[in-house]
Amino acid sequence: MDSCIIQNKYKIVERLGSGAFGSIYKGVNQRNKKEVAIKIESFDASIKLLKHETTVLNYLYSEGVRSTPTIFWYGTYGENLCAVMTLYEKSLFDVVNGTSYQNKIYQIMLQCVCGIENIHRKFVIHRDVKPHNIMFKEGFLYFIDLGLSTFYLNDKRVHILDQGSHDPIGTPKWMSYYIHEGHRASRRDDLISLGYVFLFLLRGGNLPWDNIMPDGTNEEKHRVRAEKKQLSVLIKDLNNEVLIQYFRICYGLEFEEEPNYYALKDILKTI
């Protein structure tokens, strides 16, 4: 796949990563020499997310949201679906191994809350918030990988209902306590997952539920994560009052309730 040219315009330079949902490459626009990200998903992929992600990103861009990637081109390439979009410098996960971020954690989280708020204002929830999906570019933060995203309002502009038990969607390590408990995702869950990112940064790159039951079943791990993510357990040994306040606000939200983004941003500005 390396060195291939898409649409006689976008040249693939190198593979950046791959997984169950396809592969992503670094590319370059041969006309203006600007670097781009190229996502490729096989027609035979068991899970298809790229078309949905492209639709959501184009919608958000049309609505003025700039905290998510811009789609430059989308279409078929050989036996694949392909999307060309903004390339970012590095992820929040990448910077944790360094030390320069330590004195910027509160500023980073403030930008993250603002970015998620911008997405939520357009009736979209991310559903896979984690450090790997928060990217840096020229000092600003962006949310990527919206393949699991969805709208929290229906066609009649009414909030979706939290009825019955729902299979968990997202990355188990980062998903909200309420998702573990079988609830449908809403705005509060994006913010709670963002709180786990906050905790991850403060702890220097780990979470209390890391490395649990290495030989356990997925069901057993799911149960233990849920227990450790209960609010009373989560804040028991925390010595950071800002993070405690953050979690109390987010965990206290009802399923359909609009988060108080101002309050969250206000406590992050106190440092």
C-alpha atoms as a PDB file:
ATOM      1  CA  MET A   1       0.000   0.000   0.000  1.00  0.00           C
ATOM      2  CA  ASP A   2       2.955   2.346   0.653  1.00  0.00           C
ATOM      3  CA  SER A   3       3.725   4.863  -2.125  1.00  0.00           C
ATOM      4  CA  CYS A   4       0.274   4.401  -3.702  1.00  0.00           C
ATOM      5  CA  ILE A   5      -1.474   7.493  -5.036  1.00  0.00           C
ATOM      6  CA  ILE A   6      -5.185   8.049  -4.437  1.00  0.00           C
ATOM      7  CA  GLN A   7      -7.260  10.143  -6.827  1.00  0.00           C
ATOM      8  CA  ASN A   8      -4.031  11.171  -8.573  1.00  0.00           C
ATOM      9  CA  LYS A   9      -3.520  13.524  -5.656  1.00  0.00           C
ATOM     10  CA  TYR A  10      -2.875  11.897  -2.275  1.00  0.00           C
ATOM     11  CA  LYS A  11       0.295   9.843  -1.969  1.00  0.00           C
ATOM     12  CA  ILE A  12       0.561   7.288   0.812  1.00  0.00           C
ATOM     13  CA  VAL A  13       3.874   7.702   2.635  1.00  0.00           C
ATOM     14  CA  GLU A  14       3.773   5.288   5.569  1.00  0.00           C
ATOM     15  CA  ARG A  15       1.450   3.228   7.742  1.00  0.00           C
ATOM     16  CA  LEU A  16       0.689   4.812  11.091  1.00  0.00           C
ATOM     17  CA  GLY A  17      -1.441   2.067  12.578  1.00  0.00           C
ATOM     18  CA  SER A  18      -4.007  -0.629  11.983  1.00  0.00           C
ATOM     19  CA  GLY A  19      -6.669  -2.557  13.818  1.00  0.00           C
ATOM     20  CA  ALA A  20     -10.015  -4.290  13.557  1.00  0.00           C
ATOM     21  CA  PHE A  21     -11.527  -1.139  12.036  1.00  0.00           C
ATOM     22  CA  GLY A  22      -8.986  -0.706   9.221  1.00  0.00           C
ATOM     23  CA  SER A  23      -5.650   1.045   8.708  1.00  0.00           C
ATOM     24  CA  ILE A  24      -4.458   4.618   8.836  1.00  0.00           C
ATOM     25  CA  TYR A  25      -1.597   6.069   6.853  1.00  0.00           C
ATOM     26  CA  LYS A  26       0.371   9.260   6.657  1.00  0.00           C
ATOM     27  CA  GLY A  27       0.051  10.814   3.234  1.00  0.00           C
ATOM     28  CA  VAL A  28       0.834  13.965   1.330  1.00  0.00           C
ATOM     29  CA  ASN A  29      -1.230  16.094  -1.020  1.00  0.00           C
ATOM     30  CA  GLN A  30       1.060  16.222  -4.045  1.00  0.00           C
ATOM     31  CA  ARG A  31      -0.437  19.498  -5.239  1.00  0.00           C
ATOM     32  CA  ASN A  32       0.151  21.625  -2.158  1.00  0.00           C
ATOM     33  CA  LYS A  33       2.616  19.325  -0.330  1.00  0.00           C
ATOM     34  CA  LYS A  34       0.506  19.330   2.843  1.00  0.00           C
ATOM     35  CA  GLU A  35       0.519  16.173   4.949  1.00  0.00           C
ATOM     36  CA  VAL A  36      -2.764  14.326   5.492  1.00  0.00           C
ATOM     37  CA  ALA A  37      -4.115  11.269   7.278  1.00  0.00           C
ATOM     38  CA  ILE A  38      -5.586   8.526   5.088  1.00  0.00           C
ATOM     39  CA  LYS A  39      -7.991   6.004   6.590  1.00  0.00           C
ATOM     40  CA  ILE A  40      -8.655   2.830   4.635  1.00  0.00           C
ATOM     41  CA  GLU A  41     -11.346   0.266   5.385  1.00  0.00           C
ATOM     42  CA  SER A  42     -11.787  -2.928   3.388  1.00  0.00           C
ATOM     43  CA  PHE A  43     -15.158  -3.727   1.819  1.00  0.00           C
ATOM     44  CA  ASP A  44     -14.779  -7.105   3.577  1.00  0.00           C
ATOM     45  CA  ALA A  45     -14.246  -5.621   7.049  1.00  0.00           C
ATOM     46  CA  SER A  46     -16.485  -7.281   9.642  1.00  0.00           C
ATOM     47  CA  ILE A  47     -17.118  -3.904  11.298  1.00  0.00           C
ATOM     48  CA  LYS A  48     -17.661  -0.911   9.031  1.00  0.00           C
ATOM     49  CA  LEU A  49     -17.337   2.524  10.609  1.00  0.00           C
ATOM     50  CA  LEU A  50     -15.666   4.777   8.045  1.00  0.00           C
ATOM     51  CA  LYS A  51     -18.753   5.864   6.127  1.00  0.00           C
ATOM     52  CA  HIS A  52     -20.531   6.767   9.362  1.00  0.00           C
ATOM     53  CA  GLU A  53     -17.484   8.606  10.720  1.00  0.00           C
ATOM     54  CA  THR A  54     -17.124  10.600   7.511  1.00  0.00           C
ATOM     55  CA  THR A  55     -20.812  11.539   7.587  1.00  0.00           C
ATOM     56  CA  VAL A  56     -20.582  12.754  11.184  1.00  0.00           C
ATOM     57  CA  LEU A  57     -17.352  14.688  10.576  1.00  0.00           C
ATOM     58  CA  ASN A  58     -18.775  16.411   7.509  1.00  0.00           C
ATOM     59  CA  TYR A  59     -21.893  17.317   9.485  1.00  0.00           C
ATOM     60  CA  LEU A  60     -19.853  18.741  12.377  1.00  0.00           C
ATOM     61  CA  TYR A  61     -17.682  20.743   9.995  1.00  0.00           C
ATOM     62  CA  SER A  62     -20.774  22.157   8.268  1.00  0.00           C
ATOM     63  CA  GLU A  63     -22.019  23.201  11.717  1.00  0.00           C
ATOM     64  CA  GLY A  64     -18.840  25.101  12.475  1.00  0.00           C
ATOM     65  CA  VAL A  65     -17.142  22.583  14.769  1.00  0.00           C
ATOM     66  CA  ARG A  66     -13.373  22.778  14.407  1.00  0.00           C
ATOM     67  CA  SER A  67     -12.322  20.454  17.245  1.00  0.00           C
ATOM     68  CA  THR A  68     -12.607  17.397  14.946  1.00  0.00           C
ATOM     69  CA  PRO A  69     -10.831  16.416  11.699  1.00  0.00           C
ATOM     70  CA  THR A  70     -11.710  17.933   8.326  1.00  0.00           C
ATOM     71  CA  ILE A  71     -12.565  15.486   5.540  1.00  0.00           C
ATOM     72  CA  PHE A  72     -10.762  16.398   2.310  1.00  0.00           C
ATOM     73  CA  TRP A  73     -11.944  13.450   0.227  1.00  0.00           C
ATOM     74  CA  TYR A  74     -13.997  10.277   0.666  1.00  0.00           C
ATOM     75  CA  GLY A  75     -14.656   7.466  -1.794  1.00  0.00           C
ATOM     76  CA  THR A  76     -13.569   4.054  -3.008  1.00  0.00           C
ATOM     77  CA  TYR A  77      -9.978   3.055  -3.610  1.00  0.00           C
ATOM     78  CA  GLY A  78      -9.553  -0.425  -5.057  1.00  0.00           C
ATOM     79  CA  GLU A  79     -11.425  -2.830  -2.794  1.00  0.00           C
ATOM     80  CA  ASN A  80     -11.589  -0.326   0.024  1.00  0.00           C
ATOM     81  CA  LEU A  81     -13.366   2.711   1.351  1.00  0.00           C
ATOM     82  CA  CYS A  82     -11.002   5.599   1.870  1.00  0.00           C
ATOM     83  CA  ALA A  83     -11.139   8.935   3.692  1.00  0.00           C
ATOM     84  CA  VAL A  84      -8.491  11.652   3.537  1.00  0.00           C
ATOM     85  CA  MET A  85      -8.521  13.947   6.546  1.00  0.00           C
ATOM     86  CA  THR A  86      -6.490  16.187   8.837  1.00  0.00           C
ATOM     87  CA  LEU A  87      -3.200  14.770  10.088  1.00  0.00           C
ATOM     88  CA  TYR A  88      -2.265  15.640  13.661  1.00  0.00           C
ATOM     89  CA  GLU A  89       1.130  15.771  15.347  1.00  0.00           C
ATOM     90  CA  LYS A  90       0.711  13.393  18.282  1.00  0.00           C
ATOM     91  CA  SER A  91      -1.878  12.069  20.691  1.00  0.00           C
ATOM     92  CA  LEU A  92      -2.395  12.847  24.352  1.00  0.00           C
ATOM     93  CA  PHE A  93      -1.383   9.245  25.030  1.00  0.00           C
ATOM     94  CA  ASP A  94       1.955   9.883  23.290  1.00  0.00           C
ATOM     95  CA  VAL A  95       2.892  12.830  25.509  1.00  0.00           C
ATOM     96  CA  VAL A  96       2.360  10.987  28.802  1.00  0.00           C
ATOM     97  CA  ASN A  97       5.759   9.346  28.480  1.00  0.00           C
ATOM     98  CA  GLY A  98       7.353  12.788  28.549  1.00  0.00           C
ATOM     99  CA  THR A  99       7.451  15.279  31.390  1.00  0.00           C
ATOM    100  CA  SER A 100       6.615  18.534  29.633  1.00  0.00           C
ATOM    101  CA  TYR A 101       2.869  17.962  29.949  1.00  0.00           C
ATOM    102  CA  GLN A 102       2.843  17.754  33.754  1.00  0.00           C
ATOM    103  CA  ASN A 103       2.514  21.499  34.332  1.00  0.00           C
ATOM    104  CA  LYS A 104      -0.129  21.786  31.612  1.00  0.00           C
ATOM    105  CA  ILE A 105      -2.638  19.150  32.736  1.00  0.00           C
ATOM    106  CA  TYR A 106      -5.332  21.614  33.773  1.00  0.00           C
ATOM    107  CA  GLN A 107      -4.970  23.633  30.561  1.00  0.00           C
ATOM    108  CA  ILE A 108      -5.174  20.393  28.564  1.00  0.00           C
ATOM    109  CA  MET A 109      -8.324  19.322  30.376  1.00  0.00           C
ATOM    110  CA  LEU A 110      -9.878  22.754  29.925  1.00  0.00           C
ATOM    111  CA  GLN A 111      -9.340  22.471  26.159  1.00  0.00           C
ATOM    112  CA  CYS A 112     -10.766  18.942  26.220  1.00  0.00           C
ATOM    113  CA  VAL A 113     -13.958  20.037  27.961  1.00  0.00           C
ATOM    114  CA  CYS A 114     -14.333  22.888  25.457  1.00  0.00           C
ATOM    115  CA  GLY A 115     -13.820  20.476  22.553  1.00  0.00           C
ATOM    116  CA  ILE A 116     -16.371  17.965  23.807  1.00  0.00           C
ATOM    117  CA  GLU A 117     -18.811  20.782  24.547  1.00  0.00           C
ATOM    118  CA  ASN A 118     -18.541  21.937  20.926  1.00  0.00           C
ATOM    119  CA  ILE A 119     -19.380  18.427  19.728  1.00  0.00           C
ATOM    120  CA  HIS A 120     -22.256  18.036  22.179  1.00  0.00           C
ATOM    121  CA  ARG A 121     -23.752  21.386  21.166  1.00  0.00           C
ATOM    122  CA  LYS A 122     -24.359  19.851  17.747  1.00  0.00           C
ATOM    123  CA  PHE A 123     -26.205  16.871  19.294  1.00  0.00           C
ATOM    124  CA  VAL A 124     -23.356  14.357  18.865  1.00  0.00           C
ATOM    125  CA  ILE A 125     -21.710  12.165  21.507  1.00  0.00           C
ATOM    126  CA  HIS A 126     -18.282  10.655  20.880  1.00  0.00           C
ATOM    127  CA  ARG A 127     -18.611   7.339  22.791  1.00  0.00           C
ATOM    128  CA  ASP A 128     -14.893   6.506  22.655  1.00  0.00           C
ATOM    129  CA  VAL A 129     -13.112   9.268  24.566  1.00  0.00           C
ATOM    130  CA  LYS A 130      -9.568   8.238  25.506  1.00  0.00           C
ATOM    131  CA  PRO A 131      -6.043   9.728  25.287  1.00  0.00           C
ATOM    132  CA  HIS A 132      -5.388   7.953  21.980  1.00  0.00           C
ATOM    133  CA  ASN A 133      -8.300   9.851  20.410  1.00  0.00           C
ATOM    134  CA  ILE A 134      -7.258  13.301  21.613  1.00  0.00           C
ATOM    135  CA  MET A 135      -4.701  14.868  19.310  1.00  0.00           C
ATOM    136  CA  PHE A 136      -2.387  17.875  19.303  1.00  0.00           C
ATOM    137  CA  LYS A 137      -1.762  20.243  16.413  1.00  0.00           C
ATOM    138  CA  GLU A 138      -0.068  23.624  16.752  1.00  0.00           C
ATOM    139  CA  GLY A 139      -0.928  23.863  20.430  1.00  0.00           C
ATOM    140  CA  PHE A 140      -4.617  22.990  20.093  1.00  0.00           C
ATOM    141  CA  LEU A 141      -6.489  19.779  20.932  1.00  0.00           C
ATOM    142  CA  TYR A 142      -8.785  17.793  18.648  1.00  0.00           C
ATOM    143  CA  PHE A 143     -10.984  14.714  19.000  1.00  0.00           C
ATOM    144  CA  ILE A 144     -10.578  11.981  16.392  1.00  0.00           C
ATOM    145  CA  ASP A 145     -12.001   8.517  15.650  1.00  0.00           C
ATOM    146  CA  LEU A 146     -15.710   9.295  15.683  1.00  0.00           C
ATOM    147  CA  GLY A 147     -16.637   5.943  14.138  1.00  0.00           C
ATOM    148  CA  LEU A 148     -18.624   5.014  17.267  1.00  0.00           C
ATOM    149  CA  SER A 149     -20.234   8.430  17.652  1.00  0.00           C
ATOM    150  CA  THR A 150     -23.981   8.922  17.494  1.00  0.00           C
ATOM    151  CA  PHE A 151     -26.672  11.559  17.935  1.00  0.00           C
ATOM    152  CA  TYR A 152     -28.333  11.873  21.330  1.00  0.00           C
ATOM    153  CA  LEU A 153     -31.443  13.486  19.826  1.00  0.00           C
ATOM    154  CA  ASN A 154     -33.815  11.628  17.518  1.00  0.00           C
ATOM    155  CA  ASP A 155     -35.324  12.901  14.273  1.00  0.00           C
ATOM    156  CA  LYS A 156     -37.902  14.863  16.273  1.00  0.00           C
ATOM    157  CA  ARG A 157     -35.175  16.613  18.293  1.00  0.00           C
ATOM    158  CA  VAL A 158     -36.172  14.629  21.387  1.00  0.00           C
ATOM    159  CA  HIS A 159     -33.489  13.119  23.628  1.00  0.00           C
ATOM    160  CA  ILE A 160     -33.000   9.381  23.156  1.00  0.00           C
ATOM    161  CA  LEU A 161     -34.304   7.167  25.948  1.00  0.00           C
ATOM    162  CA  ASP A 162     -32.336   4.960  28.288  1.00  0.00           C
ATOM    163  CA  GLN A 163     -34.595   1.932  28.112  1.00  0.00           C
ATOM    164  CA  GLY A 164     -33.577  -1.649  28.778  1.00  0.00           C
ATOM    165  CA  SER A 165     -30.040  -2.955  29.022  1.00  0.00           C
ATOM    166  CA  HIS A 166     -27.485  -1.973  26.372  1.00  0.00           C
ATOM    167  CA  ASP A 167     -24.320  -3.722  25.268  1.00  0.00           C
ATOM    168  CA  PRO A 168     -21.284  -1.613  26.183  1.00  0.00           C
ATOM    169  CA  ILE A 169     -19.874   0.498  23.348  1.00  0.00           C
ATOM    170  CA  GLY A 170     -16.357   1.916  23.496  1.00  0.00           C
ATOM    171  CA  THR A 171     -13.016   0.900  24.946  1.00  0.00           C
ATOM    172  CA  PRO A 172     -13.532  -0.969  28.267  1.00  0.00           C
ATOM    173  CA  LYS A 173     -10.635   0.753  30.056  1.00  0.00           C
ATOM    174  CA  TRP A 174     -12.079   4.180  29.306  1.00  0.00           C
ATOM    175  CA  MET A 175     -15.837   3.656  29.198  1.00  0.00           C
ATOM    176  CA  SER A 176     -18.001   5.308  31.839  1.00  0.00           C
ATOM    177  CA  TYR A 177     -19.214   3.524  34.948  1.00  0.00           C
ATOM    178  CA  TYR A 178     -22.771   3.886  33.644  1.00  0.00           C
ATOM    179  CA  ILE A 179     -21.880   2.076  30.409  1.00  0.00           C
ATOM    180  CA  HIS A 180     -20.513  -0.825  32.449  1.00  0.00           C
ATOM    181  CA  GLU A 181     -23.851  -0.875  34.268  1.00  0.00           C
ATOM    182  CA  GLY A 182     -25.776  -1.364  31.021  1.00  0.00           C
ATOM    183  CA  HIS A 183     -26.943   2.195  30.406  1.00  0.00           C
ATOM    184  CA  ARG A 184     -27.076   3.790  26.996  1.00  0.00           C
ATOM    185  CA  ALA A 185     -24.426   6.455  26.375  1.00  0.00           C
ATOM    186  CA  SER A 186     -25.228  10.145  26.741  1.00  0.00           C
ATOM    187  CA  ARG A 187     -23.309  13.380  27.227  1.00  0.00           C
ATOM    188  CA  ARG A 188     -22.417  12.575  30.830  1.00  0.00           C
ATOM    189  CA  ASP A 189     -20.512   9.465  29.711  1.00  0.00           C
ATOM    190  CA  ASP A 190     -18.199  11.374  27.363  1.00  0.00           C
ATOM    191  CA  LEU A 191     -17.389  13.701  30.255  1.00  0.00           C
ATOM    192  CA  ILE A 192     -16.864  10.853  32.719  1.00  0.00           C
ATOM    193  CA  SER A 193     -14.498   9.151  30.294  1.00  0.00           C
ATOM    194  CA  LEU A 194     -12.714  12.475  29.991  1.00  0.00           C
ATOM    195  CA  GLY A 195     -12.423  12.429  33.790  1.00  0.00           C
ATOM    196  CA  TYR A 196     -10.612   9.093  33.542  1.00  0.00           C
ATOM    197  CA  VAL A 197      -8.237  10.765  31.076  1.00  0.00           C
ATOM    198  CA  PHE A 198      -7.719  13.502  33.694  1.00  0.00           C
ATOM    199  CA  LEU A 199      -6.931  10.848  36.307  1.00  0.00           C
ATOM    200  CA  PHE A 200      -4.609   9.074  33.852  1.00  0.00           C
ATOM    201  CA  LEU A 201      -2.607  12.258  33.328  1.00  0.00           C
ATOM    202  CA  LEU A 202      -2.387  13.045  37.045  1.00  0.00           C
ATOM    203  CA  ARG A 203      -1.166   9.502  37.774  1.00  0.00           C
ATOM    204  CA  GLY A 204       1.531   9.702  35.106  1.00  0.00           C
ATOM    205  CA  GLY A 205       0.016   7.220  32.688  1.00  0.00           C
ATOM    206  CA  ASN A 206      -1.956   4.601  34.607  1.00  0.00           C
ATOM    207  CA  LEU A 207      -5.414   3.980  36.066  1.00  0.00           C
ATOM    208  CA  PRO A 208      -6.563   2.125  39.209  1.00  0.00           C
ATOM    209  CA  TRP A 209      -8.118  -0.648  37.111  1.00  0.00           C
ATOM    210  CA  ASP A 210      -5.039  -1.326  34.983  1.00  0.00           C
ATOM    211  CA  ASN A 211      -3.745  -4.903  34.931  1.00  0.00           C
ATOM    212  CA  ILE A 212      -6.780  -6.315  36.715  1.00  0.00           C
ATOM    213  CA  MET A 213      -7.308 -10.075  36.616  1.00  0.00           C
ATOM    214  CA  PRO A 214      -4.925 -10.758  33.683  1.00  0.00           C
ATOM    215  CA  ASP A 215      -6.279 -14.303  33.424  1.00  0.00           C
ATOM    216  CA  GLY A 216      -9.900 -13.361  34.044  1.00  0.00           C
ATOM    217  CA  THR A 217     -12.727 -13.545  31.545  1.00  0.00           C
ATOM    218  CA  ASN A 218     -14.031 -10.415  29.831  1.00  0.00           C
ATOM    219  CA  GLU A 219     -17.115 -10.612  32.038  1.00  0.00           C
ATOM    220  CA  GLU A 220     -15.008 -10.748  35.204  1.00  0.00           C
ATOM    221  CA  LYS A 221     -12.852  -7.817  34.077  1.00  0.00           C
ATOM    222  CA  HIS A 222     -15.982  -5.889  33.170  1.00  0.00           C
ATOM    223  CA  ARG A 223     -17.368  -6.413  36.684  1.00  0.00           C
ATOM    224  CA  VAL A 224     -14.146  -5.380  38.437  1.00  0.00           C
ATOM    225  CA  ARG A 225     -13.781  -2.241  36.312  1.00  0.00           C
ATOM    226  CA  ALA A 226     -17.359  -1.293  37.143  1.00  0.00           C
ATOM    227  CA  GLU A 227     -16.675  -1.735  40.859  1.00  0.00           C
ATOM    228  CA  LYS A 228     -13.528   0.401  40.747  1.00  0.00           C
ATOM    229  CA  LYS A 229     -15.317   3.104  38.758  1.00  0.00           C
ATOM    230  CA  GLN A 230     -18.078   3.592  41.344  1.00  0.00           C
ATOM    231  CA  LEU A 231     -17.876   7.189  42.508  1.00  0.00           C
ATOM    232  CA  SER A 232     -17.371   6.337  46.199  1.00  0.00           C
ATOM    233  CA  VAL A 233     -14.535   3.947  45.358  1.00  0.00           C
ATOM    234  CA  LEU A 234     -13.020   6.179  42.698  1.00  0.00           C
ATOM    235  CA  ILE A 235     -12.608   9.274  44.863  1.00  0.00           C
ATOM    236  CA  LYS A 236     -11.768   7.462  48.119  1.00  0.00           C
ATOM    237  CA  ASP A 237      -8.005   7.775  47.741  1.00  0.00           C
ATOM    238  CA  LEU A 238      -7.888  10.838  45.498  1.00  0.00           C
ATOM    239  CA  ASN A 239      -6.013  13.810  46.915  1.00  0.00           C
ATOM    240  CA  ASN A 240      -6.861  16.195  44.088  1.00  0.00           C
ATOM    241  CA  GLU A 241      -9.873  18.328  44.954  1.00  0.00           C
ATOM    242  CA  VAL A 242     -10.340  19.573  41.383  1.00  0.00           C
ATOM    243  CA  LEU A 243     -10.676  16.040  40.056  1.00  0.00           C
ATOM    244  CA  ILE A 244     -12.996  15.071  42.922  1.00  0.00           C
ATOM    245  CA  GLN A 245     -15.256  18.026  42.094  1.00  0.00           C
ATOM    246  CA  TYR A 246     -15.129  17.123  38.416  1.00  0.00           C
ATOM    247  CA  PHE A 247     -16.224  13.536  39.051  1.00  0.00           C
ATOM    248  CA  ARG A 248     -18.975  14.564  41.478  1.00  0.00           C
ATOM    249  CA  ILE A 249     -20.469  16.924  38.902  1.00  0.00           C
ATOM    250  CA  CYS A 250     -20.334  14.361  36.072  1.00  0.00           C
ATOM    251  CA  TYR A 251     -21.495  11.348  38.073  1.00  0.00           C
ATOM    252  CA  GLY A 252     -24.357  13.433  39.419  1.00  0.00           C
ATOM    253  CA  LEU A 253     -25.799  14.060  35.968  1.00  0.00           C
ATOM    254  CA  GLU A 254     -29.023  12.351  34.946  1.00  0.00           C
ATOM    255  CA  PHE A 255     -29.049  10.466  31.634  1.00  0.00           C
ATOM    256  CA  GLU A 256     -30.759  13.240  29.644  1.00  0.00           C
ATOM    257  CA  GLU A 257     -29.432  16.177  31.637  1.00  0.00           C
ATOM    258  CA  GLU A 258     -27.426  18.896  29.927  1.00  0.00           C
ATOM    259  CA  PRO A 259     -24.001  19.057  31.592  1.00  0.00           C
ATOM    260  CA  ASN A 260     -22.919  22.260  33.287  1.00  0.00           C
ATOM    261  CA  TYR A 261     -19.858  22.793  31.084  1.00  0.00           C
ATOM    262  CA  TYR A 262     -19.329  26.215  32.650  1.00  0.00           C
ATOM    263  CA  ALA A 263     -18.927  24.679  36.117  1.00  0.00           C
ATOM    264  CA  LEU A 264     -16.463  22.088  34.833  1.00  0.00           C
ATOM    265  CA  LYS A 265     -14.418  24.731  33.044  1.00  0.00           C
ATOM    266  CA  ASP A 266     -14.564  26.983  36.086  1.00  0.00           C
ATOM    267  CA  ILE A 267     -13.025  24.442  38.449  1.00  0.00           C
ATOM    268  CA  LEU A 268     -10.264  23.701  35.916  1.00  0.00           C
ATOM    269  CA  LYS A 269      -9.439  27.409  35.802  1.00  0.00           C
ATOM    270  CA  THR A 270      -8.837  27.540  39.551  1.00  0.00           C
ATOM    271  CA  ILE A 271      -5.317  26.144  39.179  1.00  0.00           C
END
